[in-house]
Amino acid sequence: MGRTVMPFSFVLAEERGRWKGFRKGLSKEDQEAFDRLFDRAKFHTAAGVYMAHPYPLETILRIEFGPRQDRDFFR
């Protein structure tokens, strides 16, 4: 049987925790932008599950910047 995919909400929370130290080093304004990045990703959990990428931050960034016309950003 294949591997079970961990719920994206757990992946998102875990990834946010990994970047906690980085966030603390940001200015207040940048911390708010950083928080918005993760908050917006919550609205796209289905897309995150389907991607099931080994690097969760890449999934989060693709969710945030995916709808934009500049799709070559990640290539």
PDB file of N, CA and C in Angstrom:
ATOM      1  N   MET A   1       0.840  -1.170   0.000  1.00  0.00           N
ATOM      2  CA  MET A   1       0.000   0.000   0.000  1.00  0.00           C
ATOM      3  C   MET A   1       0.891   1.242   0.000  1.00  0.00           C
ATOM      4  N   GLY A   2       0.409   2.319  -0.623  1.00  0.00           N
ATOM      5  CA  GLY A   2       1.192   3.549  -0.718  1.00  0.00           C
ATOM      6  C   GLY A   2       1.253   4.308   0.595  1.00  0.00           C
ATOM      7  N   ARG A   3       2.062   5.334   0.581  1.00  0.00           N
ATOM      8  CA  ARG A   3       2.208   6.153   1.781  1.00  0.00           C
ATOM      9  C   ARG A   3       1.007   7.078   1.944  1.00  0.00           C
ATOM     10  N   THR A   4       0.630   7.292   3.165  1.00  0.00           N
ATOM     11  CA  THR A   4      -0.467   8.196   3.469  1.00  0.00           C
ATOM     12  C   THR A   4       0.053   9.631   3.436  1.00  0.00           C
ATOM     13  N   VAL A   5      -0.692  10.496   2.810  1.00  0.00           N
ATOM     14  CA  VAL A   5      -0.317  11.906   2.739  1.00  0.00           C
ATOM     15  C   VAL A   5      -0.807  12.594   4.008  1.00  0.00           C
ATOM     16  N   MET A   6       0.115  13.274   4.688  1.00  0.00           N
ATOM     17  CA  MET A   6      -0.243  13.989   5.910  1.00  0.00           C
ATOM     18  C   MET A   6      -1.167  15.160   5.544  1.00  0.00           C
ATOM     19  N   PRO A   7      -2.181  15.430   6.358  1.00  0.00           N
ATOM     20  CA  PRO A   7      -3.083  16.556   6.070  1.00  0.00           C
ATOM     21  C   PRO A   7      -2.297  17.848   5.868  1.00  0.00           C
ATOM     22  N   PHE A   8      -2.680  18.587   4.844  1.00  0.00           N
ATOM     23  CA  PHE A   8      -1.941  19.799   4.511  1.00  0.00           C
ATOM     24  C   PHE A   8      -1.975  20.813   5.637  1.00  0.00           C
ATOM     25  N   SER A   9      -3.036  20.825   6.420  1.00  0.00           N
ATOM     26  CA  SER A   9      -3.092  21.763   7.552  1.00  0.00           C
ATOM     27  C   SER A   9      -1.977  21.467   8.546  1.00  0.00           C
ATOM     28  N   PHE A  10      -1.640  20.185   8.732  1.00  0.00           N
ATOM     29  CA  PHE A  10      -0.525  19.816   9.614  1.00  0.00           C
ATOM     30  C   PHE A  10       0.804  20.214   8.992  1.00  0.00           C
ATOM     31  N   VAL A  11       0.928  19.976   7.696  1.00  0.00           N
ATOM     32  CA  VAL A  11       2.155  20.340   6.984  1.00  0.00           C
ATOM     33  C   VAL A  11       2.367  21.846   7.071  1.00  0.00           C
ATOM     34  N   LEU A  12       1.296  22.593   6.888  1.00  0.00           N
ATOM     35  CA  LEU A  12       1.367  24.050   6.935  1.00  0.00           C
ATOM     36  C   LEU A  12       1.805  24.534   8.320  1.00  0.00           C
ATOM     37  N   ALA A  13       1.221  23.975   9.368  1.00  0.00           N
ATOM     38  CA  ALA A  13       1.584  24.363  10.738  1.00  0.00           C
ATOM     39  C   ALA A  13       3.035  23.989  11.040  1.00  0.00           C
ATOM     40  N   GLU A  14       3.449  22.832  10.599  1.00  0.00           N
ATOM     41  CA  GLU A  14       4.824  22.390  10.831  1.00  0.00           C
ATOM     42  C   GLU A  14       5.821  23.291  10.101  1.00  0.00           C
ATOM     43  N   GLU A  15       5.498  23.630   8.870  1.00  0.00           N
ATOM     44  CA  GLU A  15       6.391  24.490   8.080  1.00  0.00           C
ATOM     45  C   GLU A  15       6.459  25.895   8.683  1.00  0.00           C
ATOM     46  N   ARG A  16       5.339  26.389   9.139  1.00  0.00           N
ATOM     47  CA  ARG A  16       5.322  27.714   9.783  1.00  0.00           C
ATOM     48  C   ARG A  16       6.220  27.706  11.022  1.00  0.00           C
ATOM     49  N   GLY A  17       6.169  26.619  11.781  1.00  0.00           N
ATOM     50  CA  GLY A  17       7.027  26.493  12.956  1.00  0.00           C
ATOM     51  C   GLY A  17       8.508  26.454  12.605  1.00  0.00           C
ATOM     52  N   ARG A  18       8.830  25.811  11.485  1.00  0.00           N
ATOM     53  CA  ARG A  18      10.234  25.743  11.050  1.00  0.00           C
ATOM     54  C   ARG A  18      10.794  27.108  10.698  1.00  0.00           C
ATOM     55  N   TRP A  19       9.941  27.995  10.242  1.00  0.00           N
ATOM     56  CA  TRP A  19      10.381  29.327   9.830  1.00  0.00           C
ATOM     57  C   TRP A  19      10.212  30.363  10.941  1.00  0.00           C
ATOM     58  N   LYS A  20       9.888  29.918  12.150  1.00  0.00           N
ATOM     59  CA  LYS A  20       9.645  30.831  13.271  1.00  0.00           C
ATOM     60  C   LYS A  20      10.853  31.727  13.565  1.00  0.00           C
ATOM     61  N   GLY A  21      12.040  31.155  13.581  1.00  0.00           N
ATOM     62  CA  GLY A  21      13.251  31.937  13.849  1.00  0.00           C
ATOM     63  C   GLY A  21      13.498  32.990  12.780  1.00  0.00           C
ATOM     64  N   PHE A  22      13.272  32.613  11.535  1.00  0.00           N
ATOM     65  CA  PHE A  22      13.428  33.561  10.426  1.00  0.00           C
ATOM     66  C   PHE A  22      12.449  34.715  10.580  1.00  0.00           C
ATOM     67  N   ARG A  23      11.209  34.377  10.931  1.00  0.00           N
ATOM     68  CA  ARG A  23      10.170  35.387  11.095  1.00  0.00           C
ATOM     69  C   ARG A  23      10.542  36.402  12.164  1.00  0.00           C
ATOM     70  N   LYS A  24      11.137  35.915  13.260  1.00  0.00           N
ATOM     71  CA  LYS A  24      11.505  36.815  14.358  1.00  0.00           C
ATOM     72  C   LYS A  24      12.520  37.863  13.919  1.00  0.00           C
ATOM     73  N   GLY A  25      13.331  37.548  12.925  1.00  0.00           N
ATOM     74  CA  GLY A  25      14.341  38.486  12.447  1.00  0.00           C
ATOM     75  C   GLY A  25      13.810  39.530  11.489  1.00  0.00           C
ATOM     76  N   LEU A  26      12.562  39.394  11.079  1.00  0.00           N
ATOM     77  CA  LEU A  26      11.964  40.340  10.134  1.00  0.00           C
ATOM     78  C   LEU A  26      11.414  41.572  10.846  1.00  0.00           C
ATOM     79  N   SER A  27      11.273  42.641  10.085  1.00  0.00           N
ATOM     80  CA  SER A  27      10.631  43.838  10.634  1.00  0.00           C
ATOM     81  C   SER A  27       9.154  43.529  10.877  1.00  0.00           C
ATOM     82  N   LYS A  28       8.489  44.364  11.637  1.00  0.00           N
ATOM     83  CA  LYS A  28       7.072  44.159  11.952  1.00  0.00           C
ATOM     84  C   LYS A  28       6.239  44.069  10.669  1.00  0.00           C
ATOM     85  N   GLU A  29       6.508  44.947   9.724  1.00  0.00           N
ATOM     86  CA  GLU A  29       5.774  44.961   8.467  1.00  0.00           C
ATOM     87  C   GLU A  29       6.005  43.660   7.684  1.00  0.00           C
ATOM     88  N   ASP A  30       7.246  43.213   7.657  1.00  0.00           N
ATOM     89  CA  ASP A  30       7.559  41.970   6.949  1.00  0.00           C
ATOM     90  C   ASP A  30       6.999  40.752   7.674  1.00  0.00           C
ATOM     91  N   GLN A  31       6.934  40.811   8.994  1.00  0.00           N
ATOM     92  CA  GLN A  31       6.321  39.713   9.749  1.00  0.00           C
ATOM     93  C   GLN A  31       4.845  39.575   9.377  1.00  0.00           C
ATOM     94  N   GLU A  32       4.174  40.704   9.216  1.00  0.00           N
ATOM     95  CA  GLU A  32       2.766  40.680   8.831  1.00  0.00           C
ATOM     96  C   GLU A  32       2.597  40.089   7.431  1.00  0.00           C
ATOM     97  N   ALA A  33       3.492  40.451   6.512  1.00  0.00           N
ATOM     98  CA  ALA A  33       3.431  39.894   5.153  1.00  0.00           C
ATOM     99  C   ALA A  33       3.715  38.392   5.183  1.00  0.00           C
ATOM    100  N   PHE A  34       4.665  37.986   6.003  1.00  0.00           N
ATOM    101  CA  PHE A  34       5.005  36.570   6.155  1.00  0.00           C
ATOM    102  C   PHE A  34       3.800  35.799   6.695  1.00  0.00           C
ATOM    103  N   ASP A  35       3.132  36.366   7.685  1.00  0.00           N
ATOM    104  CA  ASP A  35       1.940  35.730   8.257  1.00  0.00           C
ATOM    105  C   ASP A  35       0.821  35.614   7.225  1.00  0.00           C
ATOM    106  N   ARG A  36       0.660  36.648   6.405  1.00  0.00           N
ATOM    107  CA  ARG A  36      -0.373  36.605   5.357  1.00  0.00           C
ATOM    108  C   ARG A  36      -0.096  35.485   4.361  1.00  0.00           C
ATOM    109  N   LEU A  37       1.173  35.246   4.064  1.00  0.00           N
ATOM    110  CA  LEU A  37       1.543  34.174   3.141  1.00  0.00           C
ATOM    111  C   LEU A  37       1.004  32.840   3.632  1.00  0.00           C
ATOM    112  N   PHE A  38       1.213  32.541   4.910  1.00  0.00           N
ATOM    113  CA  PHE A  38       0.746  31.279   5.471  1.00  0.00           C
ATOM    114  C   PHE A  38      -0.767  31.283   5.680  1.00  0.00           C
ATOM    115  N   ASP A  39      -1.327  32.435   6.041  1.00  0.00           N
ATOM    116  CA  ASP A  39      -2.778  32.515   6.235  1.00  0.00           C
ATOM    117  C   ASP A  39      -3.524  32.272   4.928  1.00  0.00           C
ATOM    118  N   ARG A  40      -3.020  32.811   3.838  1.00  0.00           N
ATOM    119  CA  ARG A  40      -3.670  32.615   2.538  1.00  0.00           C
ATOM    120  C   ARG A  40      -3.576  31.167   2.083  1.00  0.00           C
ATOM    121  N   ALA A  41      -2.483  30.514   2.430  1.00  0.00           N
ATOM    122  CA  ALA A  41      -2.303  29.115   2.026  1.00  0.00           C
ATOM    123  C   ALA A  41      -3.381  28.225   2.653  1.00  0.00           C
ATOM    124  N   LYS A  42      -3.906  28.616   3.804  1.00  0.00           N
ATOM    125  CA  LYS A  42      -4.960  27.833   4.461  1.00  0.00           C
ATOM    126  C   LYS A  42      -6.209  27.707   3.590  1.00  0.00           C
ATOM    127  N   PHE A  43      -6.449  28.706   2.743  1.00  0.00           N
ATOM    128  CA  PHE A  43      -7.639  28.696   1.897  1.00  0.00           C
ATOM    129  C   PHE A  43      -7.507  27.745   0.708  1.00  0.00           C
ATOM    130  N   HIS A  44      -6.319  27.202   0.513  1.00  0.00           N
ATOM    131  CA  HIS A  44      -6.066  26.347  -0.642  1.00  0.00           C
ATOM    132  C   HIS A  44      -5.533  24.982  -0.217  1.00  0.00           C
ATOM    133  N   THR A  45      -6.102  24.449   0.839  1.00  0.00           N
ATOM    134  CA  THR A  45      -5.605  23.169   1.348  1.00  0.00           C
ATOM    135  C   THR A  45      -5.785  22.030   0.346  1.00  0.00           C
ATOM    136  N   ALA A  46      -6.850  22.039  -0.425  1.00  0.00           N
ATOM    137  CA  ALA A  46      -7.063  20.968  -1.407  1.00  0.00           C
ATOM    138  C   ALA A  46      -5.932  20.962  -2.437  1.00  0.00           C
ATOM    139  N   ALA A  47      -5.557  22.134  -2.913  1.00  0.00           N
ATOM    140  CA  ALA A  47      -4.462  22.220  -3.875  1.00  0.00           C
ATOM    141  C   ALA A  47      -3.155  21.751  -3.235  1.00  0.00           C
ATOM    142  N   GLY A  48      -2.947  22.106  -1.990  1.00  0.00           N
ATOM    143  CA  GLY A  48      -1.737  21.683  -1.282  1.00  0.00           C
ATOM    144  C   GLY A  48      -1.655  20.179  -1.129  1.00  0.00           C
ATOM    145  N   VAL A  49      -2.772  19.547  -0.870  1.00  0.00           N
ATOM    146  CA  VAL A  49      -2.804  18.087  -0.725  1.00  0.00           C
ATOM    147  C   VAL A  49      -2.486  17.426  -2.053  1.00  0.00           C
ATOM    148  N   TYR A  50      -3.052  17.929  -3.123  1.00  0.00           N
ATOM    149  CA  TYR A  50      -2.817  17.324  -4.431  1.00  0.00           C
ATOM    150  C   TYR A  50      -1.365  17.480  -4.872  1.00  0.00           C
ATOM    151  N   MET A  51      -0.734  18.564  -4.496  1.00  0.00           N
ATOM    152  CA  MET A  51       0.675  18.736  -4.867  1.00  0.00           C
ATOM    153  C   MET A  51       1.557  17.767  -4.092  1.00  0.00           C
ATOM    154  N   ALA A  52       1.319  17.639  -2.790  1.00  0.00           N
ATOM    155  CA  ALA A  52       2.085  16.735  -1.926  1.00  0.00           C
ATOM    156  C   ALA A  52       3.572  16.779  -2.243  1.00  0.00           C
ATOM    157  N   HIS A  53       4.104  17.968  -2.343  1.00  0.00           N
ATOM    158  CA  HIS A  53       5.515  18.188  -2.678  1.00  0.00           C
ATOM    159  C   HIS A  53       6.402  17.906  -1.466  1.00  0.00           C
ATOM    160  N   PRO A  54       7.588  17.342  -1.677  1.00  0.00           N
ATOM    161  CA  PRO A  54       8.463  17.063  -0.529  1.00  0.00           C
ATOM    162  C   PRO A  54       8.980  18.321   0.174  1.00  0.00           C
ATOM    163  N   TYR A  55       8.899  19.470  -0.484  1.00  0.00           N
ATOM    164  CA  TYR A  55       9.319  20.733   0.122  1.00  0.00           C
ATOM    165  C   TYR A  55       8.077  21.589   0.332  1.00  0.00           C
ATOM    166  N   PRO A  56       7.494  21.559   1.525  1.00  0.00           N
ATOM    167  CA  PRO A  56       6.219  22.255   1.763  1.00  0.00           C
ATOM    168  C   PRO A  56       6.240  23.747   1.437  1.00  0.00           C
ATOM    169  N   LEU A  57       7.379  24.412   1.655  1.00  0.00           N
ATOM    170  CA  LEU A  57       7.411  25.847   1.370  1.00  0.00           C
ATOM    171  C   LEU A  57       7.181  26.106  -0.114  1.00  0.00           C
ATOM    172  N   GLU A  58       7.672  25.227  -0.963  1.00  0.00           N
ATOM    173  CA  GLU A  58       7.440  25.405  -2.396  1.00  0.00           C
ATOM    174  C   GLU A  58       5.947  25.312  -2.707  1.00  0.00           C
ATOM    175  N   THR A  59       5.260  24.391  -2.075  1.00  0.00           N
ATOM    176  CA  THR A  59       3.816  24.278  -2.261  1.00  0.00           C
ATOM    177  C   THR A  59       3.123  25.559  -1.816  1.00  0.00           C
ATOM    178  N   ILE A  60       3.524  26.086  -0.661  1.00  0.00           N
ATOM    179  CA  ILE A  60       2.917  27.320  -0.129  1.00  0.00           C
ATOM    180  C   ILE A  60       3.159  28.490  -1.081  1.00  0.00           C
ATOM    181  N   LEU A  61       4.369  28.596  -1.598  1.00  0.00           N
ATOM    182  CA  LEU A  61       4.675  29.683  -2.523  1.00  0.00           C
ATOM    183  C   LEU A  61       3.932  29.527  -3.844  1.00  0.00           C
ATOM    184  N   ARG A  62       3.797  28.304  -4.312  1.00  0.00           N
ATOM    185  CA  ARG A  62       3.041  28.086  -5.550  1.00  0.00           C
ATOM    186  C   ARG A  62       1.564  28.438  -5.349  1.00  0.00           C
ATOM    187  N   ILE A  63       1.034  28.154  -4.188  1.00  0.00           N
ATOM    188  CA  ILE A  63      -0.350  28.524  -3.894  1.00  0.00           C
ATOM    189  C   ILE A  63      -0.495  30.042  -3.920  1.00  0.00           C
ATOM    190  N   GLU A  64       0.444  30.732  -3.303  1.00  0.00           N
ATOM    191  CA  GLU A  64       0.368  32.186  -3.207  1.00  0.00           C
ATOM    192  C   GLU A  64       0.559  32.864  -4.559  1.00  0.00           C
ATOM    193  N   PHE A  65       1.526  32.392  -5.324  1.00  0.00           N
ATOM    194  CA  PHE A  65       1.864  33.079  -6.567  1.00  0.00           C
ATOM    195  C   PHE A  65       1.354  32.368  -7.810  1.00  0.00           C
ATOM    196  N   GLY A  66       0.731  31.212  -7.648  1.00  0.00           N
ATOM    197  CA  GLY A  66       0.243  30.438  -8.778  1.00  0.00           C
ATOM    198  C   GLY A  66      -0.787  31.135  -9.640  1.00  0.00           C
ATOM    199  N   PRO A  67      -1.786  31.803  -9.061  1.00  0.00           N
ATOM    200  CA  PRO A  67      -2.825  32.427  -9.880  1.00  0.00           C
ATOM    201  C   PRO A  67      -2.329  33.596 -10.728  1.00  0.00           C
ATOM    202  N   ARG A  68      -1.139  34.075 -10.459  1.00  0.00           N
ATOM    203  CA  ARG A  68      -0.611  35.206 -11.215  1.00  0.00           C
ATOM    204  C   ARG A  68      -0.302  34.799 -12.644  1.00  0.00           C
ATOM    205  N   GLN A  69      -0.258  35.758 -13.536  1.00  0.00           N
ATOM    206  CA  GLN A  69       0.021  35.485 -14.937  1.00  0.00           C
ATOM    207  C   GLN A  69       1.462  35.033 -15.141  1.00  0.00           C
ATOM    208  N   ASP A  70       2.358  35.438 -14.283  1.00  0.00           N
ATOM    209  CA  ASP A  70       3.768  35.107 -14.423  1.00  0.00           C
ATOM    210  C   ASP A  70       4.023  33.708 -13.866  1.00  0.00           C
ATOM    211  N   ARG A  71       3.616  32.693 -14.589  1.00  0.00           N
ATOM    212  CA  ARG A  71       3.749  31.321 -14.113  1.00  0.00           C
ATOM    213  C   ARG A  71       5.167  30.788 -14.289  1.00  0.00           C
ATOM    214  N   ASP A  72       6.020  31.457 -15.022  1.00  0.00           N
ATOM    215  CA  ASP A  72       7.398  31.003 -15.199  1.00  0.00           C
ATOM    216  C   ASP A  72       8.275  31.375 -14.005  1.00  0.00           C
ATOM    217  N   PHE A  73       7.714  31.999 -12.998  1.00  0.00           N
ATOM    218  CA  PHE A  73       8.458  32.429 -11.817  1.00  0.00           C
ATOM    219  C   PHE A  73       9.157  31.277 -11.136  1.00  0.00           C
ATOM    220  N   PHE A  74       8.553  30.075 -11.140  1.00  0.00           N
ATOM    221  CA  PHE A  74       9.115  28.954 -10.415  1.00  0.00           C
ATOM    222  C   PHE A  74       9.912  27.994 -11.296  1.00  0.00           C
ATOM    223  N   ARG A  75      10.099  28.300 -12.545  1.00  0.00           N
ATOM    224  CA  ARG A  75      10.846  27.406 -13.433  1.00  0.00           C
ATOM    225  C   ARG A  75      12.282  27.762 -13.498  1.00  0.00           C
TER     226      ARG A  75
END
